[in-house]
Amino acid sequence: MPLFKKHKLGAPNVDKIERSKSYYDQKYEKEYHIENYYPIFDKVIEYISPESKESPILDIGCGIGECARRLKEEGFQSYLGFDLSESAIREAKKRVPEWKNHFKIQNVYEMDALSFPYKIAIAIEVLEHIQDLKLLKMLKPGTILIGSIPNYWSSNNEHLRVYPNKFHIWWRFRPFMKIHKWHKHSFNKYRFIHTFVATIK
């Protein structure tokens, strides 16, 4: 990759240390602009078939609940969202008050403690922040996974890694899932997010 293009993708996180709960609590206590991700949430809705509106959906790293709000508006019924951040969950309950009991504070690596019979899992802008392969191993075989991942680095070292292209994503994830569909959402000439729908093996 040319040096000028790498520069456009931001400075790599050379430490590759996950951000803490307190970091995300502070992040979500401030005004959080979610508008850039509206097209990604639209794609999530598109990827879930109308026949699946009663299927239990697990929203991994649900943040402030914008995806939950969209799902509720579309008529989905069975949902559980969780996040490490208390601030994020507090905001999610405000954003979707009818679903305030559908949000939990939970560490992603302890998600097995959630007694929720999900058939669909959503991980929007999550996998780059955590040990992605560890999470994929935790998901139940047969689960439909809808995820999104960026090709660019975060300015505040939140991203542990980036995913440069479809081949890279397929190669990394191939032991754990079969990818069915892709969508590339471009922010500019260099930066984009790939959204995919897959079945966990």
C-alpha atoms as a PDB file:
ATOM      1  CA  MET A   1       0.000   0.000   0.000  1.00  0.00           C
ATOM      2  CA  PRO A   2       1.496   3.426  -0.911  1.00  0.00           C
ATOM      3  CA  LEU A   3       2.717   5.473   2.023  1.00  0.00           C
ATOM      4  CA  PHE A   4       0.390   8.364   1.230  1.00  0.00           C
ATOM      5  CA  LYS A   5      -2.598   6.049   1.375  1.00  0.00           C
ATOM      6  CA  LYS A   6      -1.517   4.578   4.704  1.00  0.00           C
ATOM      7  CA  HIS A   7      -1.308   8.113   6.024  1.00  0.00           C
ATOM      8  CA  LYS A   8      -4.900   8.717   4.936  1.00  0.00           C
ATOM      9  CA  LEU A   9      -5.970   5.714   7.038  1.00  0.00           C
ATOM     10  CA  GLY A  10      -4.578   7.142  10.269  1.00  0.00           C
ATOM     11  CA  ALA A  11      -1.757   6.178  12.590  1.00  0.00           C
ATOM     12  CA  PRO A  12      -1.713   2.471  13.552  1.00  0.00           C
ATOM     13  CA  ASN A  13      -2.299   1.434  17.143  1.00  0.00           C
ATOM     14  CA  VAL A  14       1.098  -0.111  17.852  1.00  0.00           C
ATOM     15  CA  ASP A  15       0.292  -0.884  21.507  1.00  0.00           C
ATOM     16  CA  LYS A  16      -2.825  -2.920  20.612  1.00  0.00           C
ATOM     17  CA  ILE A  17      -4.240  -2.693  24.118  1.00  0.00           C
ATOM     18  CA  GLU A  18      -8.015  -2.779  24.536  1.00  0.00           C
ATOM     19  CA  ARG A  19      -9.581   0.348  25.949  1.00  0.00           C
ATOM     20  CA  SER A  20     -11.012   0.029  29.461  1.00  0.00           C
ATOM     21  CA  LYS A  21     -14.542   0.278  30.797  1.00  0.00           C
ATOM     22  CA  SER A  22     -13.735   3.660  32.344  1.00  0.00           C
ATOM     23  CA  TYR A  23     -12.517   4.926  28.969  1.00  0.00           C
ATOM     24  CA  TYR A  24     -15.819   4.032  27.280  1.00  0.00           C
ATOM     25  CA  ASP A  25     -17.835   5.373  30.206  1.00  0.00           C
ATOM     26  CA  GLN A  26     -16.141   8.731  29.738  1.00  0.00           C
ATOM     27  CA  LYS A  27     -16.583   8.554  25.973  1.00  0.00           C
ATOM     28  CA  TYR A  28     -20.348   8.033  26.155  1.00  0.00           C
ATOM     29  CA  GLU A  29     -20.854  10.624  28.876  1.00  0.00           C
ATOM     30  CA  LYS A  30     -20.075  13.231  26.210  1.00  0.00           C
ATOM     31  CA  GLU A  31     -22.242  13.946  23.205  1.00  0.00           C
ATOM     32  CA  TYR A  32     -21.754  11.045  20.824  1.00  0.00           C
ATOM     33  CA  HIS A  33     -22.375  11.658  17.126  1.00  0.00           C
ATOM     34  CA  ILE A  34     -23.864   8.490  15.673  1.00  0.00           C
ATOM     35  CA  GLU A  35     -25.009   9.976  12.344  1.00  0.00           C
ATOM     36  CA  ASN A  36     -22.101   8.570  10.313  1.00  0.00           C
ATOM     37  CA  TYR A  37     -23.317   5.079  11.024  1.00  0.00           C
ATOM     38  CA  TYR A  38     -26.936   5.517   9.916  1.00  0.00           C
ATOM     39  CA  PRO A  39     -26.226   3.830   6.531  1.00  0.00           C
ATOM     40  CA  ILE A  40     -24.718   0.875   8.397  1.00  0.00           C
ATOM     41  CA  PHE A  41     -27.831   0.464  10.537  1.00  0.00           C
ATOM     42  CA  ASP A  42     -29.948   0.644   7.370  1.00  0.00           C
ATOM     43  CA  LYS A  43     -27.897  -2.216   5.934  1.00  0.00           C
ATOM     44  CA  VAL A  44     -28.412  -4.272   9.122  1.00  0.00           C
ATOM     45  CA  ILE A  45     -32.182  -3.941   8.705  1.00  0.00           C
ATOM     46  CA  GLU A  46     -31.883  -4.905   5.046  1.00  0.00           C
ATOM     47  CA  TYR A  47     -29.861  -8.020   5.875  1.00  0.00           C
ATOM     48  CA  ILE A  48     -32.432  -9.368   8.342  1.00  0.00           C
ATOM     49  CA  SER A  49     -35.223 -11.026   6.406  1.00  0.00           C
ATOM     50  CA  PRO A  50     -38.839 -10.014   7.165  1.00  0.00           C
ATOM     51  CA  GLU A  51     -39.478 -13.619   8.197  1.00  0.00           C
ATOM     52  CA  SER A  52     -36.982 -13.157  11.043  1.00  0.00           C
ATOM     53  CA  LYS A  53     -38.861 -10.413  12.886  1.00  0.00           C
ATOM     54  CA  GLU A  54     -39.580 -12.747  15.787  1.00  0.00           C
ATOM     55  CA  SER A  55     -36.093 -14.274  15.871  1.00  0.00           C
ATOM     56  CA  PRO A  56     -34.109 -13.358  19.011  1.00  0.00           C
ATOM     57  CA  ILE A  57     -31.439 -10.752  18.196  1.00  0.00           C
ATOM     58  CA  LEU A  58     -28.319 -10.209  20.318  1.00  0.00           C
ATOM     59  CA  ASP A  59     -26.728  -6.792  19.830  1.00  0.00           C
ATOM     60  CA  ILE A  60     -23.068  -7.094  20.857  1.00  0.00           C
ATOM     61  CA  GLY A  61     -21.597  -3.769  21.940  1.00  0.00           C
ATOM     62  CA  CYS A  62     -24.927  -2.019  21.450  1.00  0.00           C
ATOM     63  CA  GLY A  63     -23.554   1.390  22.423  1.00  0.00           C
ATOM     64  CA  ILE A  64     -26.189   4.087  22.856  1.00  0.00           C
ATOM     65  CA  GLY A  65     -28.954   1.959  21.339  1.00  0.00           C
ATOM     66  CA  GLU A  66     -29.396   3.479  17.891  1.00  0.00           C
ATOM     67  CA  CYS A  67     -29.521   0.094  16.169  1.00  0.00           C
ATOM     68  CA  ALA A  68     -32.046  -1.053  18.772  1.00  0.00           C
ATOM     69  CA  ARG A  69     -34.199   1.976  18.038  1.00  0.00           C
ATOM     70  CA  ARG A  70     -34.178   1.127  14.331  1.00  0.00           C
ATOM     71  CA  LEU A  71     -35.056  -2.506  14.982  1.00  0.00           C
ATOM     72  CA  LYS A  72     -37.974  -1.569  17.217  1.00  0.00           C
ATOM     73  CA  GLU A  73     -39.320   0.872  14.632  1.00  0.00           C
ATOM     74  CA  GLU A  74     -39.173  -1.915  12.029  1.00  0.00           C
ATOM     75  CA  GLY A  75     -41.286  -4.207  14.213  1.00  0.00           C
ATOM     76  CA  PHE A  76     -38.661  -6.569  15.593  1.00  0.00           C
ATOM     77  CA  GLN A  77     -39.714  -7.971  18.950  1.00  0.00           C
ATOM     78  CA  SER A  78     -37.106 -10.187  20.610  1.00  0.00           C
ATOM     79  CA  TYR A  79     -33.938  -8.225  21.367  1.00  0.00           C
ATOM     80  CA  LEU A  80     -31.136  -7.993  23.913  1.00  0.00           C
ATOM     81  CA  GLY A  81     -28.343  -5.448  23.674  1.00  0.00           C
ATOM     82  CA  PHE A  82     -25.292  -5.299  25.893  1.00  0.00           C
ATOM     83  CA  ASP A  83     -22.276  -3.092  26.296  1.00  0.00           C
ATOM     84  CA  LEU A  84     -19.340  -2.735  28.659  1.00  0.00           C
ATOM     85  CA  SER A  85     -20.131   0.920  29.296  1.00  0.00           C
ATOM     86  CA  GLU A  86     -22.672   1.964  31.917  1.00  0.00           C
ATOM     87  CA  SER A  87     -22.906   5.374  30.247  1.00  0.00           C
ATOM     88  CA  ALA A  88     -23.796   3.795  26.909  1.00  0.00           C
ATOM     89  CA  ILE A  89     -26.470   1.573  28.439  1.00  0.00           C
ATOM     90  CA  ARG A  90     -27.938   4.509  30.342  1.00  0.00           C
ATOM     91  CA  GLU A  91     -28.238   6.460  27.090  1.00  0.00           C
ATOM     92  CA  ALA A  92     -29.673   3.433  25.248  1.00  0.00           C
ATOM     93  CA  LYS A  93     -32.467   3.167  27.829  1.00  0.00           C
ATOM     94  CA  LYS A  94     -33.285   6.835  27.280  1.00  0.00           C
ATOM     95  CA  ARG A  95     -33.235   6.423  23.506  1.00  0.00           C
ATOM     96  CA  VAL A  96     -35.495   3.359  23.539  1.00  0.00           C
ATOM     97  CA  PRO A  97     -37.445   3.610  26.814  1.00  0.00           C
ATOM     98  CA  GLU A  98     -39.894   0.885  25.808  1.00  0.00           C
ATOM     99  CA  TRP A  99     -36.966  -1.521  25.696  1.00  0.00           C
ATOM    100  CA  LYS A 100     -35.213  -0.344  28.864  1.00  0.00           C
ATOM    101  CA  ASN A 101     -35.237  -3.916  30.206  1.00  0.00           C
ATOM    102  CA  HIS A 102     -33.646  -5.144  26.973  1.00  0.00           C
ATOM    103  CA  PHE A 103     -30.245  -3.587  27.692  1.00  0.00           C
ATOM    104  CA  LYS A 104     -27.541  -5.028  29.948  1.00  0.00           C
ATOM    105  CA  ILE A 105     -24.101  -4.016  31.165  1.00  0.00           C
ATOM    106  CA  GLN A 106     -21.879  -6.945  30.224  1.00  0.00           C
ATOM    107  CA  ASN A 107     -18.297  -7.732  29.284  1.00  0.00           C
ATOM    108  CA  VAL A 108     -18.179  -9.276  25.818  1.00  0.00           C
ATOM    109  CA  TYR A 109     -15.856 -12.066  26.989  1.00  0.00           C
ATOM    110  CA  GLU A 110     -18.450 -13.085  29.577  1.00  0.00           C
ATOM    111  CA  MET A 111     -21.438 -13.028  27.255  1.00  0.00           C
ATOM    112  CA  ASP A 112     -22.073 -16.725  27.905  1.00  0.00           C
ATOM    113  CA  ALA A 113     -23.549 -15.570  31.219  1.00  0.00           C
ATOM    114  CA  LEU A 114     -26.461 -14.017  29.296  1.00  0.00           C
ATOM    115  CA  SER A 115     -29.393 -16.429  29.225  1.00  0.00           C
ATOM    116  CA  PHE A 116     -30.754 -15.266  25.896  1.00  0.00           C
ATOM    117  CA  PRO A 117     -31.534 -17.736  23.082  1.00  0.00           C
ATOM    118  CA  TYR A 118     -30.295 -15.598  20.191  1.00  0.00           C
ATOM    119  CA  LYS A 119     -30.419 -16.738  16.585  1.00  0.00           C
ATOM    120  CA  ILE A 120     -29.096 -13.508  15.100  1.00  0.00           C
ATOM    121  CA  ALA A 121     -26.082 -11.583  16.437  1.00  0.00           C
ATOM    122  CA  ILE A 122     -25.139  -8.032  15.493  1.00  0.00           C
ATOM    123  CA  ALA A 123     -21.633  -6.597  15.946  1.00  0.00           C
ATOM    124  CA  ILE A 124     -21.515  -3.120  14.448  1.00  0.00           C
ATOM    125  CA  GLU A 125     -18.104  -1.436  14.791  1.00  0.00           C
ATOM    126  CA  VAL A 126     -17.149  -3.875  17.544  1.00  0.00           C
ATOM    127  CA  LEU A 127     -14.756  -6.489  16.181  1.00  0.00           C
ATOM    128  CA  GLU A 128     -11.906  -4.035  15.604  1.00  0.00           C
ATOM    129  CA  HIS A 129     -11.995  -2.993  19.282  1.00  0.00           C
ATOM    130  CA  ILE A 130     -11.691  -6.470  20.811  1.00  0.00           C
ATOM    131  CA  GLN A 131     -10.184  -9.925  20.351  1.00  0.00           C
ATOM    132  CA  ASP A 132     -12.373 -10.616  17.336  1.00  0.00           C
ATOM    133  CA  LEU A 133     -11.545 -14.301  16.877  1.00  0.00           C
ATOM    134  CA  LYS A 134     -12.190 -15.001  20.560  1.00  0.00           C
ATOM    135  CA  LEU A 135     -15.674 -13.547  20.199  1.00  0.00           C
ATOM    136  CA  LEU A 136     -16.410 -15.523  17.039  1.00  0.00           C
ATOM    137  CA  LYS A 137     -15.482 -18.744  18.836  1.00  0.00           C
ATOM    138  CA  MET A 138     -18.028 -17.909  21.531  1.00  0.00           C
ATOM    139  CA  LEU A 139     -20.969 -17.558  19.144  1.00  0.00           C
ATOM    140  CA  LYS A 140     -23.255 -20.562  18.717  1.00  0.00           C
ATOM    141  CA  PRO A 141     -22.917 -22.534  15.461  1.00  0.00           C
ATOM    142  CA  GLY A 142     -25.707 -21.643  13.060  1.00  0.00           C
ATOM    143  CA  THR A 143     -25.977 -18.078  14.352  1.00  0.00           C
ATOM    144  CA  ILE A 144     -26.544 -15.442  11.686  1.00  0.00           C
ATOM    145  CA  LEU A 145     -23.934 -12.731  12.285  1.00  0.00           C
ATOM    146  CA  ILE A 146     -24.213  -9.230  10.864  1.00  0.00           C
ATOM    147  CA  GLY A 147     -21.040  -7.242  11.377  1.00  0.00           C
ATOM    148  CA  SER A 148     -19.288  -4.114  10.213  1.00  0.00           C
ATOM    149  CA  ILE A 149     -15.562  -3.382  10.284  1.00  0.00           C
ATOM    150  CA  PRO A 150     -13.425  -0.439   9.103  1.00  0.00           C
ATOM    151  CA  ASN A 151     -10.287  -0.227   7.003  1.00  0.00           C
ATOM    152  CA  TYR A 152      -8.987   2.823   8.926  1.00  0.00           C
ATOM    153  CA  TRP A 153      -7.399   3.446  12.322  1.00  0.00           C
ATOM    154  CA  SER A 154      -9.116   5.329  15.123  1.00  0.00           C
ATOM    155  CA  SER A 155      -7.470   8.619  16.094  1.00  0.00           C
ATOM    156  CA  ASN A 156      -7.666   7.686  19.791  1.00  0.00           C
ATOM    157  CA  ASN A 157      -6.216   4.157  19.500  1.00  0.00           C
ATOM    158  CA  GLU A 158      -9.526   2.374  19.995  1.00  0.00           C
ATOM    159  CA  HIS A 159      -8.947   0.033  17.053  1.00  0.00           C
ATOM    160  CA  LEU A 160      -6.737  -2.983  17.734  1.00  0.00           C
ATOM    161  CA  ARG A 161      -6.604  -3.753  14.009  1.00  0.00           C
ATOM    162  CA  VAL A 162      -8.094  -2.724  10.682  1.00  0.00           C
ATOM    163  CA  TYR A 163      -9.455  -4.810   7.813  1.00  0.00           C
ATOM    164  CA  PRO A 164      -8.035  -3.543   4.499  1.00  0.00           C
ATOM    165  CA  ASN A 165     -10.259  -5.387   2.014  1.00  0.00           C
ATOM    166  CA  LYS A 166     -12.746  -8.223   1.464  1.00  0.00           C
ATOM    167  CA  PHE A 167     -10.044 -10.829   0.906  1.00  0.00           C
ATOM    168  CA  HIS A 168      -8.381  -9.940   4.209  1.00  0.00           C
ATOM    169  CA  ILE A 169     -11.717 -10.249   6.020  1.00  0.00           C
ATOM    170  CA  TRP A 170     -12.570 -13.538   4.352  1.00  0.00           C
ATOM    171  CA  TRP A 171      -9.115 -15.007   5.063  1.00  0.00           C
ATOM    172  CA  ARG A 172      -9.145 -14.003   8.734  1.00  0.00           C
ATOM    173  CA  PHE A 173     -12.698 -15.152   9.433  1.00  0.00           C
ATOM    174  CA  ARG A 174     -12.951 -18.197   7.155  1.00  0.00           C
ATOM    175  CA  PRO A 175     -12.453 -20.826   9.939  1.00  0.00           C
ATOM    176  CA  PHE A 176     -15.339 -19.368  11.923  1.00  0.00           C
ATOM    177  CA  MET A 177     -18.008 -18.271   9.472  1.00  0.00           C
ATOM    178  CA  LYS A 178     -19.355 -18.447   5.946  1.00  0.00           C
ATOM    179  CA  ILE A 179     -19.957 -14.966   4.561  1.00  0.00           C
ATOM    180  CA  HIS A 180     -23.003 -14.601   2.304  1.00  0.00           C
ATOM    181  CA  LYS A 181     -23.240 -10.901   1.431  1.00  0.00           C
ATOM    182  CA  TRP A 182     -21.027  -7.815   1.482  1.00  0.00           C
ATOM    183  CA  HIS A 183     -21.567  -4.090   1.350  1.00  0.00           C
ATOM    184  CA  LYS A 184     -18.909  -1.393   1.143  1.00  0.00           C
ATOM    185  CA  HIS A 185     -19.810   2.001   2.566  1.00  0.00           C
ATOM    186  CA  SER A 186     -17.272   4.660   1.582  1.00  0.00           C
ATOM    187  CA  PHE A 187     -16.704   7.832   3.592  1.00  0.00           C
ATOM    188  CA  ASN A 188     -14.160   9.163   1.094  1.00  0.00           C
ATOM    189  CA  LYS A 189     -11.601   7.892  -1.425  1.00  0.00           C
ATOM    190  CA  TYR A 190      -9.618   6.039   1.231  1.00  0.00           C
ATOM    191  CA  ARG A 191     -11.816   5.240   4.214  1.00  0.00           C
ATOM    192  CA  PHE A 192     -14.646   2.722   4.182  1.00  0.00           C
ATOM    193  CA  ILE A 193     -16.542   0.183   6.254  1.00  0.00           C
ATOM    194  CA  HIS A 194     -17.439  -3.317   5.075  1.00  0.00           C
ATOM    195  CA  THR A 195     -20.738  -4.705   6.341  1.00  0.00           C
ATOM    196  CA  PHE A 196     -21.368  -8.436   5.975  1.00  0.00           C
ATOM    197  CA  VAL A 197     -23.868 -11.129   6.846  1.00  0.00           C
ATOM    198  CA  ALA A 198     -22.582 -14.614   7.632  1.00  0.00           C
ATOM    199  CA  THR A 199     -23.397 -17.919   9.302  1.00  0.00           C
ATOM    200  CA  ILE A 200     -21.231 -19.049  12.195  1.00  0.00           C
ATOM    201  CA  LYS A 201     -19.751 -22.521  11.613  1.00  0.00           C
END
